[in-house]
Protein backbone atom coordinates (compact mmCIF):
# COMPACT_ATOMS: atom_id res chain seq x y z
CA MET A 1 0.00 0.00 0.00
CA LEU A 2 1.50 3.32 -1.11
CA SER A 3 1.83 6.22 1.33
CA GLN A 4 0.30 9.56 0.40
CA GLY A 5 3.70 10.97 -0.57
CA HIS A 6 4.45 8.03 -2.82
CA LYS A 7 1.02 8.39 -4.44
CA PHE A 8 1.78 12.03 -5.27
CA VAL A 9 5.12 11.10 -6.82
CA ALA A 10 3.59 8.16 -8.71
CA SER A 11 0.77 10.34 -10.06
CA ILE A 12 3.27 12.87 -11.46
CA CYS A 13 5.35 10.10 -13.06
CA LEU A 14 2.24 8.56 -14.63
CA PHE A 15 1.20 11.96 -15.95
CA PHE A 16 4.55 12.37 -17.72
CA ASP A 17 4.18 8.87 -19.16
CA PHE A 18 0.80 9.94 -20.46
CA LEU A 19 2.25 13.13 -22.00
CA ILE A 20 4.81 11.06 -23.93
CA GLU A 21 2.00 8.96 -25.40
CA TYR A 22 -0.16 12.05 -26.02
CA ASN A 23 2.59 13.90 -27.87
CA HIS A 24 3.34 10.82 -29.97
CA GLN A 25 -0.30 10.55 -31.07
CA ASN A 26 -0.96 14.23 -31.77
CA PRO A 27 0.59 16.83 -34.10
CA PRO A 28 3.14 19.29 -32.64
CA ALA A 29 0.58 22.09 -32.67
CA LEU A 30 -1.40 20.25 -29.96
CA HIS A 31 1.58 19.41 -27.75
CA PRO A 32 1.37 21.13 -24.32
CA GLU A 33 4.47 23.30 -23.89
CA TYR A 34 3.56 25.27 -20.77
CA TYR A 35 1.92 24.43 -17.46
CA THR A 36 -1.15 26.43 -18.44
CA ASP A 37 -1.58 24.22 -21.53
CA ILE A 38 -2.84 21.44 -19.27
CA ASN A 39 -6.55 21.87 -19.88
CA ILE A 40 -9.65 19.87 -19.02
CA GLU A 41 -9.44 17.82 -22.21
CA ILE A 42 -5.87 16.72 -21.43
CA PHE A 43 -6.83 15.93 -17.84
CA MET A 44 -9.77 13.80 -19.00
CA GLN A 45 -7.52 11.96 -21.46
CA PHE A 46 -5.09 11.32 -18.59
CA GLN A 47 -7.93 9.54 -16.79
CA ASP A 48 -8.57 7.42 -19.91
CA PHE A 49 -4.84 6.62 -19.99
CA LEU A 50 -5.00 5.37 -16.40
CA LEU A 51 -8.00 3.16 -17.10
CA ARG A 52 -6.43 1.70 -20.26
CA ASN A 53 -3.34 0.78 -18.27
CA SER A 54 -5.30 -0.72 -15.35
CA LYS A 55 -4.29 2.08 -12.99
CA SER A 56 -6.51 3.55 -10.31
CA LEU A 57 -8.17 6.92 -10.90
CA THR A 58 -6.83 7.80 -7.47
CA PHE A 59 -3.65 8.95 -9.23
CA ALA A 60 -5.65 11.52 -11.23
CA GLU A 61 -7.31 12.67 -8.03
CA LYS A 62 -3.95 13.00 -6.25
CA LEU A 63 -2.47 14.93 -9.18
CA LYS A 64 -5.38 17.35 -9.15
CA SER A 65 -5.07 17.70 -5.37
CA VAL A 66 -1.34 18.46 -5.36
CA MET A 67 -1.69 20.98 -8.21
CA THR A 68 -4.49 22.76 -6.35
CA VAL A 69 -2.74 22.79 -2.96
CA VAL A 70 0.55 24.09 -4.36
CA ALA A 71 -1.22 26.85 -6.29
CA LYS A 72 -3.33 27.94 -3.30
CA GLU A 73 -0.85 27.64 -0.44
CA HIS A 74 2.54 28.24 -2.05
CA GLY A 75 1.84 30.20 -5.22
CA GLY A 76 4.26 30.40 -8.11
CA ILE A 77 1.97 28.45 -10.45
CA PRO A 78 -1.52 29.31 -11.68
CA LEU A 79 -4.58 27.62 -10.24
CA LEU A 80 -5.99 25.22 -12.82
CA GLN A 81 -9.63 24.19 -12.60
CA PHE A 82 -10.46 20.55 -13.32
CA PRO A 83 -13.70 18.59 -12.94
CA ALA A 84 -14.13 16.13 -10.09
CA VAL A 85 -12.57 12.74 -10.67
CA PRO A 86 -15.20 9.98 -10.64
CA ARG A 87 -14.82 7.57 -7.78
CA SER A 88 -15.76 3.94 -7.60
CA PRO A 89 -18.61 3.16 -5.18
CA ALA A 90 -17.34 3.25 -1.62
CA ARG A 91 -16.97 -0.04 0.15
CA LYS A 92 -19.81 -0.54 2.59
CA THR A 93 -18.81 -0.11 6.21
CA GLU A 94 -20.33 -2.97 8.17
CA PRO A 95 -20.22 -2.95 11.98
CA LEU A 96 -18.65 -5.98 13.57
CA GLY A 97 -21.02 -8.86 14.14
CA ASP A 98 -21.89 -9.79 17.70
CA ASP A 99 -19.58 -12.81 17.61
CA ALA A 100 -16.61 -10.74 16.38
CA PHE A 101 -17.38 -7.92 18.81
CA ASN A 102 -17.53 -10.25 21.80
CA SER A 103 -14.33 -12.12 20.89
CA LEU A 104 -12.52 -8.81 20.25
CA CYS A 105 -13.57 -7.46 23.65
CA GLN A 106 -12.52 -10.72 25.29
CA GLY A 107 -9.10 -10.55 23.63
CA LEU A 108 -8.61 -6.92 24.66
CA MET A 109 -9.45 -7.66 28.29
CA GLU A 110 -7.15 -10.68 28.31
CA HIS A 111 -4.28 -8.61 26.95
CA TRP A 112 -5.00 -5.88 29.50
CA LYS A 113 -3.95 -8.46 32.11
CA VAL A 114 -0.68 -8.98 30.22
CA MET A 115 0.03 -5.24 30.25
CA ASP A 116 -0.92 -4.94 33.91
CA GLU A 117 1.47 -7.81 34.67
CA LYS A 118 4.17 -5.82 32.86
CA LEU A 119 3.75 -2.94 35.33
CA ARG A 120 3.82 -5.40 38.25
CA PHE A 121 7.07 -6.86 36.89
CA ARG A 122 8.58 -3.37 36.75
CA ARG A 123 7.85 -2.91 40.44
CA GLU A 124 9.53 -6.25 41.10
CA VAL A 125 12.56 -5.14 39.07
CA GLU A 126 12.86 -1.94 41.10
CA CYS A 127 13.05 -3.98 44.31
CA SER A 128 15.48 -6.56 42.93
CA GLU A 129 19.20 -6.71 43.60
CA PRO A 130 21.35 -6.51 40.47
CA TYR A 131 23.84 -9.21 39.59
CA ILE A 132 27.56 -8.61 40.16
CA TYR A 133 29.94 -10.15 37.65
CA GLU A 134 32.16 -11.81 40.21
CA SER A 135 29.21 -13.40 42.04
CA LEU A 136 27.63 -15.04 39.01
CA PRO A 137 27.32 -18.82 39.67
CA PRO A 138 29.16 -19.82 36.46
CA GLN A 139 32.04 -17.56 37.52
CA LYS A 140 32.59 -19.35 40.83
CA PRO A 141 35.05 -22.25 40.47
CA ASP A 142 33.46 -24.21 43.32
CA SER A 143 29.86 -23.84 42.13
CA GLY A 144 30.11 -26.46 39.40
CA ILE A 145 27.34 -24.66 37.48
CA LYS A 146 27.72 -24.10 33.79
CA ALA A 147 26.13 -21.15 32.01
CA ARG A 148 23.53 -23.35 30.35
CA ASP A 149 22.42 -24.74 33.74
CA TRP A 150 22.34 -21.38 35.48
CA GLU A 151 18.81 -20.70 36.83
CA ILE A 152 18.79 -17.00 36.15
CA ASP A 153 16.29 -14.62 37.74
CA ASP A 154 14.46 -12.41 35.22
CA ALA A 155 13.84 -9.50 37.58
CA ARG A 156 17.49 -9.35 38.73
CA SER A 157 18.68 -9.69 35.13
CA MET A 158 16.48 -6.83 33.96
CA ARG A 159 17.62 -4.65 36.87
CA THR A 160 21.25 -5.40 36.00
CA LEU A 161 20.80 -4.55 32.33
CA LEU A 162 18.99 -1.30 33.14
CA ASP A 163 21.64 -0.24 35.66
CA HIS A 164 24.28 -0.65 32.95
CA GLY A 165 22.29 1.39 30.39
CA PHE A 166 20.98 -1.51 28.33
CA PRO A 167 19.33 -1.14 25.89
CA MET A 168 18.64 2.59 25.49
CA ASP A 169 21.66 4.41 26.98
CA ILE A 170 24.27 2.60 24.90
CA PRO A 171 24.89 3.97 21.37
CA LEU A 172 23.43 1.69 18.71
CA ASP A 173 26.76 1.01 16.98
CA ALA A 174 28.41 0.11 20.31
CA LEU A 175 25.47 -2.12 21.14
CA GLN A 176 25.82 -3.91 17.82
CA ARG A 177 29.50 -4.62 18.46
CA MET A 178 28.77 -5.87 21.96
CA MET A 179 26.01 -8.27 20.86
CA ARG A 180 27.94 -9.98 18.06
CA ARG A 181 28.49 -13.72 18.36
CA SER A 182 32.23 -13.13 18.45
CA SER A 183 31.73 -11.01 21.57
CA ILE A 184 29.20 -13.02 23.59
CA GLY A 185 29.06 -16.40 21.81
CA ILE A 186 31.23 -18.10 24.45
CA PHE A 187 30.52 -17.52 28.12
CA ALA A 188 34.19 -17.59 29.03
CA GLY A 189 34.74 -14.62 26.73
CA CYS A 190 32.04 -12.51 28.41
CA ASN A 191 34.08 -10.12 30.53
CA THR A 192 31.17 -8.01 31.83
CA VAL A 193 27.97 -8.83 33.66
CA VAL A 194 25.90 -7.45 30.76
CA LYS A 195 27.61 -9.72 28.25
CA ALA A 196 27.18 -12.71 30.57
CA ILE A 197 23.45 -12.08 30.91
CA LEU A 198 23.07 -11.51 27.15
CA HIS A 199 24.90 -14.80 26.49
CA LYS A 200 22.48 -16.62 28.79
CA TYR A 201 19.32 -15.18 27.20
CA ILE A 202 20.52 -15.34 23.58
CA PHE A 203 22.42 -18.61 23.39
CA CYS A 204 20.97 -20.68 26.26
CA PRO A 205 17.25 -19.85 26.31
CA GLN A 206 16.05 -23.47 26.08
CA HIS A 207 17.75 -24.68 29.25
CA LYS A 208 16.19 -24.54 32.70
CA LYS A 209 13.05 -22.91 31.21
CA THR A 210 14.89 -19.68 30.52
CA ILE A 211 13.10 -17.25 28.20
CA ASN A 212 15.00 -15.61 25.36
CA LEU A 213 16.14 -11.99 25.30
CA ASP A 214 13.02 -10.76 23.48
CA GLY A 215 10.89 -12.54 26.07
CA LEU A 216 12.75 -10.76 28.86
CA LEU A 217 12.44 -7.35 27.20
CA ARG A 218 8.72 -7.95 26.51
CA ARG A 219 8.16 -8.44 30.23
CA TYR A 220 9.42 -4.90 30.88
CA PHE A 221 9.04 -2.78 27.73
CA PRO A 222 5.88 -2.18 25.65
CA THR A 223 5.51 -3.88 22.26
CA THR A 224 3.59 -2.91 19.13
CA LEU A 225 0.93 -5.40 20.19
CA ASP A 226 0.53 -3.70 23.60
CA GLN A 227 0.09 -0.21 22.22
CA ALA A 228 -2.10 -1.36 19.31
CA ALA A 229 -4.38 -3.17 21.78
CA ILE A 230 -4.76 0.06 23.77
CA ALA A 231 -5.53 1.99 20.57
CA LEU A 232 -8.15 -0.63 19.61
CA PHE A 233 -9.70 -0.40 23.07
CA LEU A 234 -9.87 3.40 22.81
CA LEU A 235 -11.36 3.29 19.30
CA LEU A 236 -14.03 0.90 20.49
CA GLN A 237 -14.99 3.07 23.48
CA THR A 238 -14.68 6.62 22.14
CA GLY A 239 -16.10 6.32 18.63
CA TRP A 240 -13.30 8.66 17.46
CA ASN A 241 -11.47 8.15 14.20
CA LYS A 242 -8.01 6.57 14.28
CA GLU A 243 -6.21 9.90 13.79
CA SER A 244 -7.88 11.41 16.87
CA VAL A 245 -6.94 8.43 19.05
CA ILE A 246 -3.36 8.32 17.77
CA GLU A 247 -2.91 12.09 18.36
CA ILE A 248 -3.89 12.02 22.06
CA ASP A 249 -1.38 14.03 24.09
CA GLY A 250 -0.32 11.81 26.98
CA GLU A 251 0.68 14.84 29.05
CA ASN A 252 -2.42 16.91 28.32
CA PHE A 253 -5.53 14.85 27.73
CA GLU A 254 -7.74 15.86 30.69
CA HIS A 255 -10.36 18.46 29.84
CA PRO A 256 -10.83 21.41 32.27
CA LEU A 257 -14.39 20.15 32.88
CA THR A 258 -13.03 17.02 34.59
CA GLY A 259 -14.64 16.69 38.03
CA SER A 260 -16.89 19.74 37.60
CA ILE A 261 -20.08 17.68 37.33
CA ASP A 262 -19.07 14.50 39.16
CA GLU A 263 -15.86 13.83 41.03
CA LYS A 264 -15.75 10.34 39.53
CA LEU A 265 -16.23 11.61 35.98
CA ALA A 266 -13.19 12.46 33.88
CA VAL A 267 -13.45 14.19 30.51
CA VAL A 268 -10.65 13.43 28.05
CA PHE A 269 -10.06 15.18 24.76
CA SER A 270 -8.10 15.00 21.55
CA GLU A 271 -8.13 16.88 18.26
CA LYS A 272 -9.95 15.92 15.10
CA TYR A 273 -7.94 16.94 12.05
CA ARG A 274 -10.00 15.34 9.33
CA SER A 275 -13.38 16.22 7.77
CA GLN A 276 -13.02 19.96 8.26
CA GLY A 277 -15.25 20.62 5.27
CA ILE A 278 -14.65 21.91 1.77
CA GLY A 279 -12.57 25.08 1.79
CA ALA A 280 -11.67 24.82 5.49
CA PRO A 281 -7.97 24.66 6.36
CA TYR A 282 -6.63 21.23 7.34
CA GLU A 283 -4.61 22.88 10.12
CA SER A 284 -7.81 23.96 11.89
CA PRO A 285 -8.64 20.98 14.12
CA SER A 286 -11.72 20.73 16.29
CA GLN A 287 -11.64 19.45 19.85
CA ILE A 288 -13.38 16.13 20.44
CA THR A 289 -14.22 14.86 23.93
CA ALA A 290 -15.33 11.73 25.73
CA SER A 291 -16.34 11.05 29.33
CA SER A 292 -14.71 8.33 31.39
CA ASN A 293 -14.59 6.78 34.85
CA PRO A 294 -10.99 6.82 36.19
CA ASP A 295 -11.86 4.07 38.69
CA ASP A 296 -12.62 1.59 35.89
CA PRO A 297 -9.38 -0.09 34.72
CA TYR A 298 -10.85 -0.57 31.23
CA SER A 299 -12.07 3.04 30.88
CA ILE A 300 -10.77 5.57 28.36
CA TYR A 301 -8.94 7.54 31.04
CA SER A 302 -7.31 4.44 32.55
CA LEU A 303 -6.20 3.15 29.15
CA ILE A 304 -4.48 6.45 28.30
CA VAL A 305 -2.70 6.36 31.66
CA LEU A 306 -1.74 2.73 30.97
CA ALA A 307 -0.24 3.65 27.58
CA ARG A 308 1.68 6.51 29.21
CA ASN A 309 3.03 4.27 31.97
CA LEU A 310 4.05 1.58 29.50
CA SER A 311 5.94 4.13 27.39
CA LYS A 312 7.68 5.72 30.37
CA PRO A 313 11.00 3.75 30.15
CA LEU A 314 11.37 4.80 26.48
CA ARG A 315 10.40 8.47 26.73
CA GLY A 316 13.07 11.09 26.33
CA TYR A 317 15.36 8.97 24.16
CA THR A 318 16.21 10.24 20.69
CA PHE A 319 15.08 7.96 17.90
CA ASP A 320 18.02 6.20 16.25
CA THR A 321 16.60 7.13 12.83
CA ASN A 322 13.83 9.55 11.96
CA ALA A 323 12.73 9.07 8.39
CA PHE A 324 9.76 11.35 9.02
CA ILE A 325 11.61 14.49 10.04
CA GLY A 326 11.42 15.88 6.50
CA SER A 327 7.63 15.65 6.46
CA GLY A 328 7.33 17.33 9.84
CA LYS A 329 5.60 14.28 11.32
CA VAL A 330 6.30 13.71 15.00
CA ARG A 331 6.03 10.26 16.58
CA ASN A 332 3.61 10.35 19.50
CA GLU A 333 5.46 9.35 22.68
CA LEU A 334 2.23 8.13 24.28
CA TYR A 335 2.43 4.95 22.20
CA LEU A 336 6.14 4.12 22.27
CA PHE A 337 7.29 0.53 21.92
CA LEU A 338 10.57 -1.41 21.81
CA ARG A 339 11.33 -3.45 18.70
CA ALA A 340 12.52 -7.05 18.82
CA TRP A 341 16.28 -6.91 19.32
CA GLY A 342 16.96 -8.67 16.01
CA ASP A 343 15.40 -5.66 14.23
CA TRP A 344 17.50 -3.03 16.00
CA PHE A 345 20.43 -3.26 13.65
CA LYS A 346 18.47 -4.31 10.57
CA ASN A 347 16.18 -1.27 10.79
CA GLY A 348 18.67 0.99 12.51
CA SER A 349 16.08 1.71 15.19
CA ARG A 350 15.41 0.37 18.67
CA HIS A 351 12.11 2.05 19.47
CA SER A 352 9.31 3.79 17.66
CA SER A 353 5.61 4.66 18.03
CA ILE A 354 2.42 3.16 16.62
CA SER A 355 1.54 6.65 15.41
CA ILE A 356 3.51 5.46 12.36
CA PHE A 357 1.11 3.56 10.11
CA ASN A 358 3.36 0.55 9.47
CA SER A 359 3.90 0.04 13.19
CA TYR A 360 0.18 0.38 13.88
CA THR A 361 -0.59 -2.20 11.19
CA GLN A 362 2.04 -4.59 12.57
CA GLY A 363 0.59 -4.25 16.08
CA ILE A 364 -3.04 -4.79 15.06
CA GLU A 365 -2.24 -7.83 12.93
CA GLY A 366 -0.08 -9.20 15.75
CA PHE A 367 -3.03 -8.83 18.12
CA LEU A 368 -5.40 -10.61 15.71
CA LYS A 369 -2.87 -13.41 15.33
CA LYS A 370 -2.57 -13.92 19.09
CA TYR A 371 -6.26 -13.43 19.92
CA PRO A 372 -8.45 -15.01 17.21
CA VAL A 373 -11.48 -12.95 16.17
CA TYR A 374 -14.07 -14.77 14.08
CA GLU A 375 -17.05 -13.32 12.26
CA SER A 376 -19.60 -15.72 10.79
CA GLY A 377 -16.93 -18.42 10.73
CA ARG A 378 -14.31 -16.25 8.97
CA ARG A 379 -11.21 -15.23 10.90
CA LEU A 380 -10.32 -11.54 10.79
CA LEU A 381 -6.59 -11.14 10.22
CA ARG A 382 -5.93 -7.74 8.60
CA VAL A 383 -6.09 -4.22 9.94
CA SER A 384 -8.68 -3.41 7.25
CA ASP A 385 -10.94 -6.07 8.76
CA ILE A 386 -11.10 -4.23 12.08
CA THR A 387 -10.11 -0.55 12.22
CA PRO A 388 -12.51 0.96 9.61
CA ARG A 389 -15.42 -0.87 11.21
CA LEU A 390 -14.93 0.12 14.84
CA ARG A 391 -16.71 3.45 14.50
CA ALA A 392 -19.73 1.81 12.88
CA THR A 393 -19.68 -0.77 15.68
CA TRP A 394 -19.57 1.94 18.34
CA LEU A 395 -22.44 3.74 16.61
CA LYS A 396 -24.47 0.53 16.45
CA TYR A 397 -24.37 0.06 20.23
CA GLN A 398 -24.66 3.76 21.11
CA LYS A 399 -27.89 4.13 19.13
CA LYS A 400 -29.52 1.64 21.48
CA THR A 401 -29.27 4.07 24.41
CA ASN A 402 -28.64 7.55 22.93
CA SER A 403 -30.42 9.69 20.38
CA LEU A 404 -28.81 10.48 17.03
CA SER A 405 -28.50 14.17 17.95
CA ILE A 406 -26.42 13.36 21.05
CA ILE A 407 -24.14 11.05 19.06
CA THR A 408 -23.75 13.68 16.33
CA SER A 409 -22.76 16.29 18.92
CA HIS A 410 -20.29 13.87 20.53
CA LEU A 411 -18.54 13.22 17.21
CA LYS A 412 -18.49 16.94 16.31
CA HIS A 413 -20.43 16.36 13.10
CA LYS A 414 -22.30 19.27 11.60
CA TYR A 415 -25.14 17.15 10.26
CA GLY A 416 -26.83 14.05 11.64
CA ASN A 417 -26.73 12.57 8.16
CA THR A 418 -22.93 12.41 8.41
CA THR A 419 -23.17 10.37 11.59
CA ASP A 420 -26.01 8.13 10.48
CA VAL A 421 -25.05 7.37 6.88
CA HIS A 422 -21.33 7.86 6.31
CA TYR A 423 -20.17 5.74 9.25
CA ASN A 424 -22.54 2.82 8.82
CA SER A 425 -23.61 1.65 5.38
CA SER A 426 -24.36 -1.92 6.39
CA ALA A 427 -27.41 -3.73 5.09
CA THR A 428 -28.93 -3.63 8.58
CA ALA A 429 -28.43 0.12 8.94
CA MET A 430 -29.80 0.81 5.46
CA ALA A 431 -32.87 -1.32 6.19
CA GLU A 432 -33.37 0.61 9.42
CA ARG A 433 -33.13 3.94 7.59
CA SER A 434 -35.57 2.73 4.92
CA SER A 435 -38.00 1.71 7.65
CA ARG A 436 -37.71 5.12 9.31
CA LEU A 437 -38.26 6.86 5.98
CA ARG A 438 -41.29 4.70 5.22
CA ASN A 439 -42.81 5.48 8.62
CA GLU A 440 -42.27 9.21 8.13
CA LEU A 441 -43.76 9.15 4.63
CA GLU A 442 -46.78 7.21 5.87
CA GLU A 443 -47.28 9.77 8.61
CA VAL A 444 -47.03 12.65 6.12
CA THR A 445 -49.47 10.93 3.75
CA LYS A 446 -51.90 10.33 6.61
CA ARG A 447 -51.79 14.00 7.56
CA LEU A 448 -52.26 15.09 3.96
CA VAL A 449 -55.30 12.85 3.51
CA ASN A 450 -56.84 14.11 6.77
CA ARG A 451 -56.07 17.77 5.91
CA GLN A 452 -53.84 17.98 9.00
CA PHE A 453 -50.54 18.75 7.25
CA SER A 454 -49.63 22.43 7.41
CA GLY A 455 -46.67 24.73 7.25
CA LEU A 456 -44.75 23.35 4.27
CA LEU A 457 -47.35 23.22 1.49
CA GLY A 458 -47.34 25.96 -1.13
CA LYS A 459 -50.50 27.88 -1.99
CA ILE A 460 -51.16 25.91 -5.17
CA ALA A 461 -50.68 22.56 -3.44
CA ASP A 462 -52.92 23.72 -0.58
CA GLU A 463 -55.64 24.78 -3.03
CA GLN A 464 -55.40 21.47 -4.87
CA ALA A 465 -55.72 19.57 -1.60
CA SER A 466 -58.99 21.43 -0.88
CA LEU A 467 -60.64 20.67 -4.24
CA SER A 468 -63.59 18.30 -4.58
CA ILE A 469 -62.49 15.45 -6.84
CA LYS A 470 -64.85 13.86 -9.38
CA LEU A 471 -64.14 10.11 -9.54
CA PHE A 472 -65.00 8.31 -12.77
CA THR A 473 -66.24 4.83 -11.83
CA ILE A 474 -67.67 2.45 -14.43
CA PRO A 475 -70.91 0.81 -13.23
CA GLY A 476 -70.24 -2.69 -11.92
CA LYS A 477 -66.57 -1.97 -11.11
CA ASP A 478 -65.34 -1.60 -7.53
CA ARG A 479 -62.43 0.66 -8.42
CA PRO A 480 -62.52 4.12 -10.00
CA MET A 481 -60.65 4.71 -13.26
CA TRP A 482 -59.22 8.06 -12.22
CA GLY A 483 -60.39 11.43 -10.97
CA CYS A 484 -60.78 15.01 -12.18
CA GLU A 485 -60.08 17.99 -9.96
CA ASP A 486 -62.07 20.49 -12.07
CA GLN A 487 -64.43 19.42 -14.86
CA PHE A 488 -65.22 23.05 -15.73
CA SER A 489 -61.66 23.97 -16.77
CA PRO A 490 -60.04 21.22 -18.88
CA ASP A 491 -56.77 22.04 -20.63
CA TRP A 492 -56.18 19.10 -22.98
CA TYR A 493 -55.28 20.09 -26.53
CA GLY A 494 -58.38 21.16 -28.51
CA HIS A 495 -60.77 21.26 -25.54
CA GLN A 496 -62.10 24.71 -26.50
CA HIS A 497 -63.61 23.27 -29.68
CA VAL A 498 -65.42 20.45 -27.86
CA VAL A 499 -66.41 21.67 -24.39
CA ALA A 500 -68.37 24.90 -24.17
CA LYS A 501 -67.30 27.41 -21.55
CA GLY A 502 -69.13 26.82 -18.27
CA GLU A 503 -70.03 23.22 -19.09
CA LYS A 504 -68.64 20.07 -17.53
CA CYS A 505 -66.12 17.97 -19.45
CA TYR A 506 -66.89 14.26 -19.89
CA GLN A 507 -64.24 13.52 -22.53
CA VAL A 508 -62.66 10.67 -20.53
CA ASP A 509 -60.69 9.57 -23.60
CA LYS A 510 -58.74 12.86 -23.31
CA CYS A 511 -57.98 12.68 -19.57
CA ILE A 512 -54.43 11.35 -19.97
CA GLY A 513 -53.49 14.55 -21.79
CA CYS A 514 -55.11 16.88 -19.23
CA SER A 515 -53.44 18.39 -16.16
CA ARG A 516 -56.70 18.10 -14.16
CA VAL A 517 -56.53 14.32 -14.05
CA ARG A 518 -55.80 12.54 -10.76
CA ILE A 519 -54.16 9.12 -11.02
CA TYR A 520 -54.38 6.66 -8.10
CA ASP A 521 -53.14 3.16 -7.39
CA ASP A 522 -56.67 2.00 -8.23
CA SER A 523 -56.19 3.52 -11.69
CA LEU A 524 -53.31 1.21 -12.55
CA PRO A 525 -55.36 -1.77 -13.91
CA TYR A 526 -57.27 0.62 -16.21
CA LEU A 527 -54.05 2.19 -17.46
CA MET A 528 -52.71 -1.28 -18.24
CA GLU A 529 -55.90 -2.15 -20.10
CA ARG A 530 -55.75 1.06 -22.11
CA LEU A 531 -52.08 0.45 -22.95
CA GLY A 532 -52.99 -3.01 -24.26
CA HIS A 533 -55.67 -1.52 -26.51
CA ILE A 534 -53.23 1.05 -27.91
CA ASP A 535 -50.59 -1.62 -28.63
CA TYR A 536 -53.21 -3.62 -30.53
CA GLU A 537 -54.33 -0.62 -32.57
CA LEU A 538 -50.78 0.39 -33.48
CA GLU A 539 -49.98 -3.17 -34.55
CA MET A 540 -53.14 -3.94 -36.53
CA GLU A 541 -54.01 -0.62 -38.16
CA SER A 542 -52.09 1.27 -40.83
CA GLU A 543 -50.53 4.68 -40.27
CA ASP A 544 -53.11 7.46 -40.12
CA SER A 545 -53.66 10.79 -38.41
CA ARG A 546 -54.32 9.08 -35.05
CA SER A 547 -51.04 7.13 -34.98
CA SER A 548 -48.93 9.95 -33.55
CA ASP A 549 -51.54 10.62 -30.83
CA LEU A 550 -51.62 6.93 -29.93
CA ARG A 551 -47.83 6.73 -29.72
CA TRP A 552 -47.75 9.78 -27.45
CA GLU A 553 -50.48 8.31 -25.23
CA LYS A 554 -48.60 4.99 -25.11
CA GLN A 555 -45.42 6.74 -23.98
CA THR A 556 -47.35 8.59 -21.26
CA LEU A 557 -49.06 5.42 -20.03
CA GLU A 558 -45.76 3.52 -19.88
CA TYR A 559 -44.32 6.29 -17.75
CA LEU A 560 -47.33 6.31 -15.39
CA ILE A 561 -47.23 2.53 -15.02
CA ASN A 562 -43.51 1.74 -14.84
CA ASP A 563 -41.93 4.87 -13.36
CA CYS A 564 -44.58 5.95 -10.85
CA HIS A 565 -45.32 2.67 -9.07
CA ASP A 566 -43.31 0.01 -7.29
CA GLU A 567 -43.17 -3.62 -8.38
CA ASP A 568 -45.60 -4.89 -5.75
CA THR A 569 -48.28 -2.39 -6.80
CA ILE A 570 -47.81 -3.24 -10.48
CA THR A 571 -48.04 -6.99 -9.76
CA GLU A 572 -51.24 -6.56 -7.74
CA ALA A 573 -52.78 -4.36 -10.47
CA ALA A 574 -51.97 -6.96 -13.13
CA ARG A 575 -53.76 -9.64 -11.07
CA TYR A 576 -56.82 -7.40 -10.68
CA ARG A 577 -56.90 -6.77 -14.43
CA ARG A 578 -56.79 -10.50 -15.22
CA ARG A 579 -59.58 -11.29 -12.75
CA ASN A 580 -61.89 -8.47 -13.93
CA SER A 581 -61.15 -8.26 -17.65
CA PRO A 582 -62.41 -6.53 -19.69
CA LEU A 583 -62.15 -3.26 -17.77
CA LEU A 584 -62.47 -0.73 -20.61
CA PRO A 585 -64.09 -0.60 -24.03
CA ARG A 586 -61.75 -0.17 -26.97
CA ASP A 587 -63.56 3.05 -27.86
CA MET A 588 -63.13 5.22 -24.78
CA SER A 589 -65.45 7.88 -26.18
CA SER A 590 -68.38 5.51 -25.56
CA LEU A 591 -68.01 6.19 -21.82
CA ARG A 592 -68.87 9.87 -22.17
CA LEU A 593 -72.63 9.27 -22.27
CA ILE A 594 -72.51 6.95 -19.25
CA PHE A 595 -70.84 9.51 -16.97
CA ASP A 596 -72.97 12.36 -18.33
CA GLU A 597 -76.19 10.48 -17.54
CA MET A 598 -74.88 9.44 -14.12
CA ASP A 599 -74.39 13.12 -13.24
CA ASP A 600 -77.88 13.95 -14.47
CA ASP A 601 -79.33 11.27 -12.25
């Protein structure tokens, strides 16, 4: 997976590859010579180039982004305007299933015990007596104990190593020389207590149940797994995004409101750098808070304190290498960890922080490897299986006890739609939203029918709702064909030549072309019947003056049937038509007299 910087570089390289192809295929007059020659057409062709070469359109988006940012924030180049780059449909964010959620929580609580044991071991180390070289059992001629049989004490060993500056106070190059096989491979050649202990833990770990050097260091120093587990625990409890959790300041995370409402209530905060909105500066973070109980060992407050305590032995030491200094990125010392000693010299670094993405990924995947998390029988193994879904999971459980407005305020979202939709697009959540929408629409419809809806209707809609509707019902049928809101003012084409002013209109064969018509669900079987008659006439009769009118009416009926009704309504209407056929005469004008006489009666 490419970092953002690599994506920017790759997008520029791909654009130059595209320009080579573009110049080869076009005459010199069309070759772009200046920066301002990069127009919308060239940018769109660059997108086609990416698709032809099976490259992601993300590179076009990154190129547009870097060109815009440089022009706006640094100047020196003109600001070029390009259209938005189309994106593929976002992957749905599903909350964790109950089985995965429960096993994840169980794993986190189990590992909390491991981290708590680490702090207990530190207290034991502080009270332990360090080894002295001359008093080591293998050094005593009369002891008869060889190095491999030496029952070494872990707490005393750790205290001895720390007192002699191992591993952080010794320069890395000196440490590498000291830990070579030629230096500590033979116990007799170990002329210091540190070398003797290192020989025991590196070359004799299988004897007398001795752990290896990494095992000893893991008992005292935090690992990527430890800090990643804390980050997971915080993500699951706060509902914050990963960036907000990773950016927590271990020395300043208590909000001034802590204890103001309840002595047992702590308020912690961090900063949210993302989702500032279009046009807002990225460097303008908003404060995001969460409440916590300091007396609960699993609470947000306690977990931050735990991470700080775990990192304490590593704080204050300069990183052996800092590949991120050029980008201005600072490693958060709240989440420090010690690497496995075999990686110290390979990576040129003894400790780092999970605020670096690669370290975070390594820690999460290490946790999932140690503590299996299954969802519907599938084991979750990658960071992408867990991290993006924790916020949706938090939202899923919070909505059971809190209103959407409270959750939206907690997450510092401007709109409830952001909270409800963008962080949970699971099938369950979408079904829930559809159900809520259906209930609201039914309530609105009920109010409209009962003339109880007010405040949002325009004057015309309000007047229409107050009209008395004339329903055209054929004798013997239990459903009306359709309705007319005003028989005295038809507006179908040519009405003025047929209906005298002040008289009622009974030209039911013209209703489909009149704006006064009212179509209902009950009208659907009649519309289907009429469409069938028109199809028959167009097929059997030759072209005449009526053909264009019939084709127009057919198009209108198809729209009313297919685009204005759902599948269930259409299916039910088709059944009604089959059971009650025929519904309409082929000559619709024959119905005029029936409705005219019915009014007279």
